[in-house]
Amino acid sequence: QLFGDPAKVKPLIKNSERLTLLATTEEITMGEE
């Protein structure tokens, strides 16, 4: 189950077999508490 921004993740998937893309709208960056 791939959780992420579809606009950034979907173009990178070459074969969707056994992969489920679940759209998210937020990211937690490295510097956040």
Full PDB file with SEQRES, HELIX, SHEET, SSBOND, CRYST1, ORIGX, SCALE, CONECT and MASTER records, all heavy atoms in Angstrom:
SEQRES   1 A   33  GLN LEU PHE GLY ASP PRO ALA LYS VAL LYS PRO LEU ILE          
SEQRES   2 A   33  LYS ASN SER GLU ARG LEU THR LEU LEU ALA THR THR GLU          
SEQRES   3 A   33  GLU ILE THR MET GLY GLU GLU                                  
HELIX    1 AA1 PRO A    6  VAL A    9  1                                   4    
HELIX    2 AA2 LYS A   10  LEU A   12  5                                   3    
SHEET    1 AA1 2 LEU A   2  GLY A   4  0                                        
SHEET    2 AA1 2 LEU A  21  ALA A  23  1                                        
CRYST1    1.000    1.000    1.000  90.00  90.00  90.00 P 1           1          
ORIGX1      1.000000  0.000000  0.000000        0.00000                         
ORIGX2      0.000000  1.000000  0.000000        0.00000                         
ORIGX3      0.000000  0.000000  1.000000        0.00000                         
SCALE1      1.000000  0.000000  0.000000        0.00000                         
SCALE2      0.000000  1.000000  0.000000        0.00000                         
SCALE3      0.000000  0.000000  1.000000        0.00000                         
ATOM      1  N   GLN A   1       0.871  -1.170   0.000  1.00  0.00           N  
ATOM      2  CA  GLN A   1       0.000   0.000   0.000  1.00  0.00           C  
ATOM      3  C   GLN A   1       0.914   1.227   0.000  1.00  0.00           C  
ATOM      4  O   GLN A   1       1.673   1.433   0.951  1.00  0.00           O  
ATOM      5  CB  GLN A   1      -0.911   0.008   1.226  1.00  0.00           C  
ATOM      6  CG  GLN A   1      -1.885  -1.148   1.273  1.00  0.00           C  
ATOM      7  CD  GLN A   1      -2.727  -1.139   2.546  1.00  0.00           C  
ATOM      8  OE1 GLN A   1      -2.439  -0.405   3.484  1.00  0.00           O  
ATOM      9  NE2 GLN A   1      -3.759  -1.967   2.575  1.00  0.00           N  
ATOM     10  N   LEU A   2       0.861   2.013  -1.060  1.00  0.00           N  
ATOM     11  CA  LEU A   2       1.728   3.181  -1.197  1.00  0.00           C  
ATOM     12  C   LEU A   2       0.950   4.428  -0.810  1.00  0.00           C  
ATOM     13  O   LEU A   2      -0.036   4.789  -1.474  1.00  0.00           O  
ATOM     14  CB  LEU A   2       2.229   3.309  -2.635  1.00  0.00           C  
ATOM     15  CG  LEU A   2       2.951   2.088  -3.208  1.00  0.00           C  
ATOM     16  CD1 LEU A   2       3.303   2.341  -4.671  1.00  0.00           C  
ATOM     17  CD2 LEU A   2       4.202   1.777  -2.404  1.00  0.00           C  
ATOM     18  N   PHE A   3       1.382   5.105   0.250  1.00  0.00           N  
ATOM     19  CA  PHE A   3       0.710   6.314   0.716  1.00  0.00           C  
ATOM     20  C   PHE A   3       1.516   7.531   0.272  1.00  0.00           C  
ATOM     21  O   PHE A   3       2.700   7.669   0.614  1.00  0.00           O  
ATOM     22  CB  PHE A   3       0.572   6.299   2.236  1.00  0.00           C  
ATOM     23  CG  PHE A   3      -0.383   5.260   2.738  1.00  0.00           C  
ATOM     24  CD1 PHE A   3       0.043   3.964   2.983  1.00  0.00           C  
ATOM     25  CD2 PHE A   3      -1.717   5.576   2.952  1.00  0.00           C  
ATOM     26  CE1 PHE A   3      -0.837   3.000   3.446  1.00  0.00           C  
ATOM     27  CE2 PHE A   3      -2.609   4.611   3.407  1.00  0.00           C  
ATOM     28  CZ  PHE A   3      -2.172   3.314   3.647  1.00  0.00           C  
ATOM     29  N   GLY A   4       0.875   8.417  -0.518  1.00  0.00           N  
ATOM     30  CA  GLY A   4       1.584   9.584  -0.992  1.00  0.00           C  
ATOM     31  C   GLY A   4       0.775  10.412  -1.966  1.00  0.00           C  
ATOM     32  O   GLY A   4      -0.399  10.132  -2.239  1.00  0.00           O  
ATOM     33  N   ASP A   5       1.423  11.415  -2.511  1.00  0.00           N  
ATOM     34  CA  ASP A   5       0.813  12.333  -3.472  1.00  0.00           C  
ATOM     35  C   ASP A   5       0.734  11.637  -4.836  1.00  0.00           C  
ATOM     36  O   ASP A   5       1.764  11.352  -5.443  1.00  0.00           O  
ATOM     37  CB  ASP A   5       1.672  13.594  -3.565  1.00  0.00           C  
ATOM     38  CG  ASP A   5       1.103  14.632  -4.514  1.00  0.00           C  
ATOM     39  OD1 ASP A   5       0.144  14.313  -5.252  1.00  0.00           O  
ATOM     40  OD2 ASP A   5       1.630  15.758  -4.526  1.00  0.00           O  
ATOM     41  N   PRO A   6      -0.452  11.373  -5.331  1.00  0.00           N  
ATOM     42  CA  PRO A   6      -0.594  10.656  -6.609  1.00  0.00           C  
ATOM     43  C   PRO A   6       0.131  11.345  -7.769  1.00  0.00           C  
ATOM     44  O   PRO A   6       0.676  10.678  -8.647  1.00  0.00           O  
ATOM     45  CB  PRO A   6      -2.105  10.632  -6.843  1.00  0.00           C  
ATOM     46  CG  PRO A   6      -2.702  10.796  -5.497  1.00  0.00           C  
ATOM     47  CD  PRO A   6      -1.761  11.682  -4.740  1.00  0.00           C  
ATOM     48  N   ALA A   7       0.150  12.675  -7.767  1.00  0.00           N  
ATOM     49  CA  ALA A   7       0.797  13.402  -8.862  1.00  0.00           C  
ATOM     50  C   ALA A   7       2.301  13.132  -8.913  1.00  0.00           C  
ATOM     51  O   ALA A   7       2.911  13.174  -9.979  1.00  0.00           O  
ATOM     52  CB  ALA A   7       0.540  14.904  -8.709  1.00  0.00           C  
ATOM     53  N   LYS A   8       2.895  12.835  -7.750  1.00  0.00           N  
ATOM     54  CA  LYS A   8       4.332  12.566  -7.692  1.00  0.00           C  
ATOM     55  C   LYS A   8       4.648  11.071  -7.758  1.00  0.00           C  
ATOM     56  O   LYS A   8       5.690  10.683  -8.287  1.00  0.00           O  
ATOM     57  CB  LYS A   8       4.915  13.150  -6.400  1.00  0.00           C  
ATOM     58  CG  LYS A   8       4.823  14.665  -6.313  1.00  0.00           C  
ATOM     59  CD  LYS A   8       5.402  15.166  -4.996  1.00  0.00           C  
ATOM     60  CE  LYS A   8       5.316  16.686  -4.895  1.00  0.00           C  
ATOM     61  NZ  LYS A   8       5.860  17.191  -3.599  1.00  0.00           N  
ATOM     62  N   VAL A   9       3.759  10.246  -7.224  1.00  0.00           N  
ATOM     63  CA  VAL A   9       4.040   8.808  -7.110  1.00  0.00           C  
ATOM     64  C   VAL A   9       3.614   8.039  -8.357  1.00  0.00           C  
ATOM     65  O   VAL A   9       4.375   7.199  -8.876  1.00  0.00           O  
ATOM     66  CB  VAL A   9       3.346   8.219  -5.862  1.00  0.00           C  
ATOM     67  CG1 VAL A   9       3.532   6.698  -5.803  1.00  0.00           C  
ATOM     68  CG2 VAL A   9       3.888   8.861  -4.594  1.00  0.00           C  
ATOM     69  N   LYS A  10       2.409   8.307  -8.849  1.00  0.00           N  
ATOM     70  CA  LYS A  10       1.852   7.501  -9.949  1.00  0.00           C  
ATOM     71  C   LYS A  10       2.738   7.463 -11.191  1.00  0.00           C  
ATOM     72  O   LYS A  10       2.924   6.392 -11.791  1.00  0.00           O  
ATOM     73  CB  LYS A  10       0.457   7.994 -10.294  1.00  0.00           C  
ATOM     74  CG  LYS A  10      -0.294   7.045 -11.229  1.00  0.00           C  
ATOM     75  CD  LYS A  10      -1.756   7.483 -11.392  1.00  0.00           C  
ATOM     76  CE  LYS A  10      -2.511   6.501 -12.282  1.00  0.00           C  
ATOM     77  NZ  LYS A  10      -3.937   6.902 -12.435  1.00  0.00           N  
ATOM     78  N   PRO A  11       3.332   8.582 -11.627  1.00  0.00           N  
ATOM     79  CA  PRO A  11       4.171   8.529 -12.834  1.00  0.00           C  
ATOM     80  C   PRO A  11       5.410   7.652 -12.683  1.00  0.00           C  
ATOM     81  O   PRO A  11       5.997   7.241 -13.696  1.00  0.00           O  
ATOM     82  CB  PRO A  11       4.573   9.999 -13.037  1.00  0.00           C  
ATOM     83  CG  PRO A  11       3.530  10.784 -12.334  1.00  0.00           C  
ATOM     84  CD  PRO A  11       3.156   9.961 -11.147  1.00  0.00           C  
ATOM     85  N   LEU A  12       5.797   7.346 -11.451  1.00  0.00           N  
ATOM     86  CA  LEU A  12       7.010   6.554 -11.216  1.00  0.00           C  
ATOM     87  C   LEU A  12       6.750   5.053 -11.219  1.00  0.00           C  
ATOM     88  O   LEU A  12       7.687   4.261 -11.311  1.00  0.00           O  
ATOM     89  CB  LEU A  12       7.633   6.948  -9.862  1.00  0.00           C  
ATOM     90  CG  LEU A  12       8.051   8.415  -9.714  1.00  0.00           C  
ATOM     91  CD1 LEU A  12       8.478   8.683  -8.277  1.00  0.00           C  
ATOM     92  CD2 LEU A  12       9.192   8.739 -10.670  1.00  0.00           C  
ATOM     93  N   ILE A  13       5.493   4.662 -11.117  1.00  0.00           N  
ATOM     94  CA  ILE A  13       5.146   3.240 -11.048  1.00  0.00           C  
ATOM     95  C   ILE A  13       5.189   2.635 -12.444  1.00  0.00           C  
ATOM     96  O   ILE A  13       4.450   3.045 -13.345  1.00  0.00           O  
ATOM     97  CB  ILE A  13       3.750   3.047 -10.419  1.00  0.00           C  
ATOM     98  CG1 ILE A  13       3.739   3.598  -8.982  1.00  0.00           C  
ATOM     99  CG2 ILE A  13       3.366   1.569 -10.421  1.00  0.00           C  
ATOM    100  CD1 ILE A  13       2.374   3.559  -8.325  1.00  0.00           C  
ATOM    101  N   LYS A  14       6.064   1.660 -12.630  1.00  0.00           N  
ATOM    102  CA  LYS A  14       6.199   1.005 -13.932  1.00  0.00           C  
ATOM    103  C   LYS A  14       5.215  -0.147 -14.100  1.00  0.00           C  
ATOM    104  O   LYS A  14       4.776  -0.446 -15.208  1.00  0.00           O  
ATOM    105  CB  LYS A  14       7.628   0.497 -14.108  1.00  0.00           C  
ATOM    106  CG  LYS A  14       8.682   1.597 -14.115  1.00  0.00           C  
ATOM    107  CD  LYS A  14      10.078   1.024 -14.250  1.00  0.00           C  
ATOM    108  CE  LYS A  14      11.129   2.135 -14.247  1.00  0.00           C  
ATOM    109  NZ  LYS A  14      12.501   1.581 -14.357  1.00  0.00           N  
ATOM    110  N   ASN A  15       4.898  -0.797 -12.980  1.00  0.00           N  
ATOM    111  CA  ASN A  15       3.996  -1.948 -13.012  1.00  0.00           C  
ATOM    112  C   ASN A  15       3.176  -1.910 -11.731  1.00  0.00           C  
ATOM    113  O   ASN A  15       3.734  -1.984 -10.626  1.00  0.00           O  
ATOM    114  CB  ASN A  15       4.810  -3.243 -13.100  1.00  0.00           C  
ATOM    115  CG  ASN A  15       3.942  -4.482 -13.070  1.00  0.00           C  
ATOM    116  OD1 ASN A  15       2.720  -4.400 -12.992  1.00  0.00           O  
ATOM    117  ND2 ASN A  15       4.580  -5.654 -13.122  1.00  0.00           N  
ATOM    118  N   SER A  16       1.883  -1.792 -11.833  1.00  0.00           N  
ATOM    119  CA  SER A  16       1.022  -1.629 -10.663  1.00  0.00           C  
ATOM    120  C   SER A  16       0.601  -2.958 -10.032  1.00  0.00           C  
ATOM    121  O   SER A  16      -0.220  -2.961  -9.104  1.00  0.00           O  
ATOM    122  CB  SER A  16      -0.216  -0.814 -11.033  1.00  0.00           C  
ATOM    123  OG  SER A  16      -0.958  -1.486 -12.050  1.00  0.00           O  
ATOM    124  N   GLU A  17       1.149  -4.066 -10.505  1.00  0.00           N  
ATOM    125  CA  GLU A  17       0.801  -5.367  -9.927  1.00  0.00           C  
ATOM    126  C   GLU A  17       1.135  -5.403  -8.445  1.00  0.00           C  
ATOM    127  O   GLU A  17       2.252  -5.099  -8.026  1.00  0.00           O  
ATOM    128  CB  GLU A  17       1.557  -6.489 -10.647  1.00  0.00           C  
ATOM    129  CG  GLU A  17       1.235  -7.880 -10.121  1.00  0.00           C  
ATOM    130  CD  GLU A  17       2.079  -8.951 -10.799  1.00  0.00           C  
ATOM    131  OE1 GLU A  17       2.868  -8.598 -11.697  1.00  0.00           O  
ATOM    132  OE2 GLU A  17       1.954 -10.125 -10.421  1.00  0.00           O  
ATOM    133  N   ARG A  18       0.167  -5.755  -7.630  1.00  0.00           N  
ATOM    134  CA  ARG A  18       0.290  -5.870  -6.174  1.00  0.00           C  
ATOM    135  C   ARG A  18       0.709  -4.560  -5.507  1.00  0.00           C  
ATOM    136  O   ARG A  18       1.284  -4.560  -4.425  1.00  0.00           O  
ATOM    137  CB  ARG A  18       1.250  -7.003  -5.777  1.00  0.00           C  
ATOM    138  CG  ARG A  18       0.639  -8.383  -5.986  1.00  0.00           C  
ATOM    139  CD  ARG A  18       1.555  -9.510  -5.553  1.00  0.00           C  
ATOM    140  NE  ARG A  18       2.534  -9.826  -6.596  1.00  0.00           N  
ATOM    141  CZ  ARG A  18       3.832  -9.787  -6.432  1.00  0.00           C  
ATOM    142  NH1 ARG A  18       4.345  -9.451  -5.277  1.00  0.00           N  
ATOM    143  NH2 ARG A  18       4.635 -10.085  -7.439  1.00  0.00           N  
ATOM    144  N   LEU A  19       0.425  -3.448  -6.180  1.00  0.00           N  
ATOM    145  CA  LEU A  19       0.654  -2.122  -5.622  1.00  0.00           C  
ATOM    146  C   LEU A  19      -0.660  -1.357  -5.596  1.00  0.00           C  
ATOM    147  O   LEU A  19      -1.351  -1.278  -6.612  1.00  0.00           O  
ATOM    148  CB  LEU A  19       1.663  -1.323  -6.450  1.00  0.00           C  
ATOM    149  CG  LEU A  19       3.056  -1.900  -6.674  1.00  0.00           C  
ATOM    150  CD1 LEU A  19       3.893  -0.911  -7.487  1.00  0.00           C  
ATOM    151  CD2 LEU A  19       3.737  -2.215  -5.356  1.00  0.00           C  
ATOM    152  N   THR A  20      -1.003  -0.796  -4.440  1.00  0.00           N  
ATOM    153  CA  THR A  20      -2.208   0.019  -4.314  1.00  0.00           C  
ATOM    154  C   THR A  20      -1.796   1.415  -3.876  1.00  0.00           C  
ATOM    155  O   THR A  20      -1.164   1.584  -2.820  1.00  0.00           O  
ATOM    156  CB  THR A  20      -3.177  -0.578  -3.279  1.00  0.00           C  
ATOM    157  OG1 THR A  20      -3.538  -1.908  -3.670  1.00  0.00           O  
ATOM    158  CG2 THR A  20      -4.441   0.272  -3.179  1.00  0.00           C  
ATOM    159  N   LEU A  21      -2.113   2.403  -4.685  1.00  0.00           N  
ATOM    160  CA  LEU A  21      -1.758   3.786  -4.372  1.00  0.00           C  
ATOM    161  C   LEU A  21      -2.921   4.442  -3.631  1.00  0.00           C  
ATOM    162  O   LEU A  21      -4.046   4.490  -4.129  1.00  0.00           O  
ATOM    163  CB  LEU A  21      -1.454   4.559  -5.665  1.00  0.00           C  
ATOM    164  CG  LEU A  21      -1.153   6.056  -5.512  1.00  0.00           C  
ATOM    165  CD1 LEU A  21       0.000   6.282  -4.549  1.00  0.00           C  
ATOM    166  CD2 LEU A  21      -0.863   6.668  -6.872  1.00  0.00           C  
ATOM    167  N   LEU A  22      -2.620   4.944  -2.428  1.00  0.00           N  
ATOM    168  CA  LEU A  22      -3.617   5.596  -1.589  1.00  0.00           C  
ATOM    169  C   LEU A  22      -3.225   7.065  -1.426  1.00  0.00           C  
ATOM    170  O   LEU A  22      -2.164   7.375  -0.876  1.00  0.00           O  
ATOM    171  CB  LEU A  22      -3.704   4.900  -0.230  1.00  0.00           C  
ATOM    172  CG  LEU A  22      -4.147   3.422  -0.331  1.00  0.00           C  
ATOM    173  CD1 LEU A  22      -3.881   2.690   0.970  1.00  0.00           C  
ATOM    174  CD2 LEU A  22      -5.622   3.340  -0.673  1.00  0.00           C  
ATOM    175  N   ALA A  23      -4.071   7.948  -1.897  1.00  0.00           N  
ATOM    176  CA  ALA A  23      -3.741   9.372  -1.963  1.00  0.00           C  
ATOM    177  C   ALA A  23      -3.699  10.023  -0.588  1.00  0.00           C  
ATOM    178  O   ALA A  23      -4.574   9.808   0.252  1.00  0.00           O  
ATOM    179  CB  ALA A  23      -4.759  10.092  -2.846  1.00  0.00           C  
ATOM    180  N   THR A  24      -2.652  10.823  -0.349  1.00  0.00           N  
ATOM    181  CA  THR A  24      -2.551  11.641   0.855  1.00  0.00           C  
ATOM    182  C   THR A  24      -2.344  13.093   0.428  1.00  0.00           C  
ATOM    183  O   THR A  24      -1.874  13.361  -0.673  1.00  0.00           O  
ATOM    184  CB  THR A  24      -1.385  11.197   1.756  1.00  0.00           C  
ATOM    185  OG1 THR A  24      -0.155  11.319   1.024  1.00  0.00           O  
ATOM    186  CG2 THR A  24      -1.566   9.744   2.193  1.00  0.00           C  
ATOM    187  N   THR A  25      -2.682  14.010   1.322  1.00  0.00           N  
ATOM    188  CA  THR A  25      -2.613  15.433   0.982  1.00  0.00           C  
ATOM    189  C   THR A  25      -1.564  16.188   1.788  1.00  0.00           C  
ATOM    190  O   THR A  25      -1.346  17.384   1.558  1.00  0.00           O  
ATOM    191  CB  THR A  25      -3.979  16.093   1.223  1.00  0.00           C  
ATOM    192  OG1 THR A  25      -4.351  15.939   2.609  1.00  0.00           O  
ATOM    193  CG2 THR A  25      -5.048  15.454   0.343  1.00  0.00           C  
ATOM    194  N   GLU A  26      -0.896  15.489   2.738  1.00  0.00           N  
ATOM    195  CA  GLU A  26       0.067  16.169   3.602  1.00  0.00           C  
ATOM    196  C   GLU A  26       1.371  15.375   3.683  1.00  0.00           C  
ATOM    197  O   GLU A  26       1.385  14.164   3.469  1.00  0.00           O  
ATOM    198  CB  GLU A  26      -0.506  16.354   5.012  1.00  0.00           C  
ATOM    199  CG  GLU A  26      -1.740  17.237   5.065  1.00  0.00           C  
ATOM    200  CD  GLU A  26      -2.324  17.311   6.462  1.00  0.00           C  
ATOM    201  OE1 GLU A  26      -2.692  16.253   7.005  1.00  0.00           O  
ATOM    202  OE2 GLU A  26      -2.433  18.437   7.007  1.00  0.00           O  
ATOM    203  N   GLU A  27       2.450  16.084   4.012  1.00  0.00           N  
ATOM    204  CA  GLU A  27       3.752  15.452   4.216  1.00  0.00           C  
ATOM    205  C   GLU A  27       4.354  15.954   5.521  1.00  0.00           C  
ATOM    206  O   GLU A  27       4.190  17.121   5.880  1.00  0.00           O  
ATOM    207  CB  GLU A  27       4.718  15.780   3.069  1.00  0.00           C  
ATOM    208  CG  GLU A  27       4.330  15.202   1.724  1.00  0.00           C  
ATOM    209  CD  GLU A  27       5.338  15.562   0.645  1.00  0.00           C  
ATOM    210  OE1 GLU A  27       6.547  15.655   0.979  1.00  0.00           O  
ATOM    211  OE2 GLU A  27       4.932  15.763  -0.509  1.00  0.00           O  
ATOM    212  N   ILE A  28       5.059  15.073   6.225  1.00  0.00           N  
ATOM    213  CA  ILE A  28       5.813  15.456   7.412  1.00  0.00           C  
ATOM    214  C   ILE A  28       7.276  15.559   6.994  1.00  0.00           C  
ATOM    215  O   ILE A  28       7.881  14.567   6.601  1.00  0.00           O  
ATOM    216  CB  ILE A  28       5.637  14.442   8.548  1.00  0.00           C  
ATOM    217  CG1 ILE A  28       4.178  14.404   9.006  1.00  0.00           C  
ATOM    218  CG2 ILE A  28       6.552  14.788   9.725  1.00  0.00           C  
ATOM    219  CD1 ILE A  28       3.892  13.367  10.083  1.00  0.00           C  
ATOM    220  N   THR A  29       7.825  16.758   7.060  1.00  0.00           N  
ATOM    221  CA  THR A  29       9.195  16.974   6.618  1.00  0.00           C  
ATOM    222  C   THR A  29      10.183  16.583   7.715  1.00  0.00           C  
ATOM    223  O   THR A  29       9.809  16.372   8.874  1.00  0.00           O  
ATOM    224  CB  THR A  29       9.416  18.435   6.220  1.00  0.00           C  
ATOM    225  OG1 THR A  29       9.203  19.274   7.365  1.00  0.00           O  
ATOM    226  CG2 THR A  29       8.443  18.839   5.120  1.00  0.00           C  
ATOM    227  N   MET A  30      11.466  16.529   7.340  1.00  0.00           N  
ATOM    228  CA  MET A  30      12.496  16.080   8.264  1.00  0.00           C  
ATOM    229  C   MET A  30      12.654  16.996   9.479  1.00  0.00           C  
ATOM    230  O   MET A  30      12.994  16.555  10.564  1.00  0.00           O  
ATOM    231  CB  MET A  30      13.843  15.965   7.533  1.00  0.00           C  
ATOM    232  CG  MET A  30      13.905  14.832   6.525  1.00  0.00           C  
ATOM    233  SD  MET A  30      13.746  13.219   7.316  1.00  0.00           S  
ATOM    234  CE  MET A  30      14.127  12.139   5.924  1.00  0.00           C  
ATOM    235  N   GLY A  31      12.391  18.278   9.315  1.00  0.00           N  
ATOM    236  CA  GLY A  31      12.648  19.219  10.396  1.00  0.00           C  
ATOM    237  C   GLY A  31      11.500  19.429  11.364  1.00  0.00           C  
ATOM    238  O   GLY A  31      11.645  20.165  12.345  1.00  0.00           O  
ATOM    239  N   GLU A  32      10.357  18.811  11.136  1.00  0.00           N  
ATOM    240  CA  GLU A  32       9.192  19.053  11.990  1.00  0.00           C  
ATOM    241  C   GLU A  32       9.280  18.324  13.319  1.00  0.00           C  
ATOM    242  O   GLU A  32       9.868  17.258  13.432  1.00  0.00           O  
ATOM    243  CB  GLU A  32       7.917  18.626  11.259  1.00  0.00           C  
ATOM    244  CG  GLU A  32       7.582  19.476  10.053  1.00  0.00           C  
ATOM    245  CD  GLU A  32       6.229  19.140   9.473  1.00  0.00           C  
ATOM    246  OE1 GLU A  32       5.216  19.431  10.122  1.00  0.00           O  
ATOM    247  OE2 GLU A  32       6.184  18.579   8.364  1.00  0.00           O  
ATOM    248  N   GLU A  33       8.659  18.924  14.347  1.00  0.00           N  
ATOM    249  CA  GLU A  33       8.599  18.298  15.670  1.00  0.00           C  
ATOM    250  C   GLU A  33       7.693  17.071  15.564  1.00  0.00           C  
ATOM    251  O   GLU A  33       6.530  17.194  15.165  1.00  0.00           O  
ATOM    252  CB  GLU A  33       8.056  19.297  16.691  1.00  0.00           C  
ATOM    253  CG  GLU A  33       8.336  18.916  18.136  1.00  0.00           C  
ATOM    254  CD  GLU A  33       7.428  17.803  18.639  1.00  0.00           C  
ATOM    255  OE1 GLU A  33       6.233  17.832  18.295  1.00  0.00           O  
ATOM    256  OE2 GLU A  33       7.917  16.906  19.351  1.00  0.00           O  
TER     257      GLU A  33                                                      
MASTER        0    0    0    2    2    0    0    6  256    1    0    3          
END                                                                             
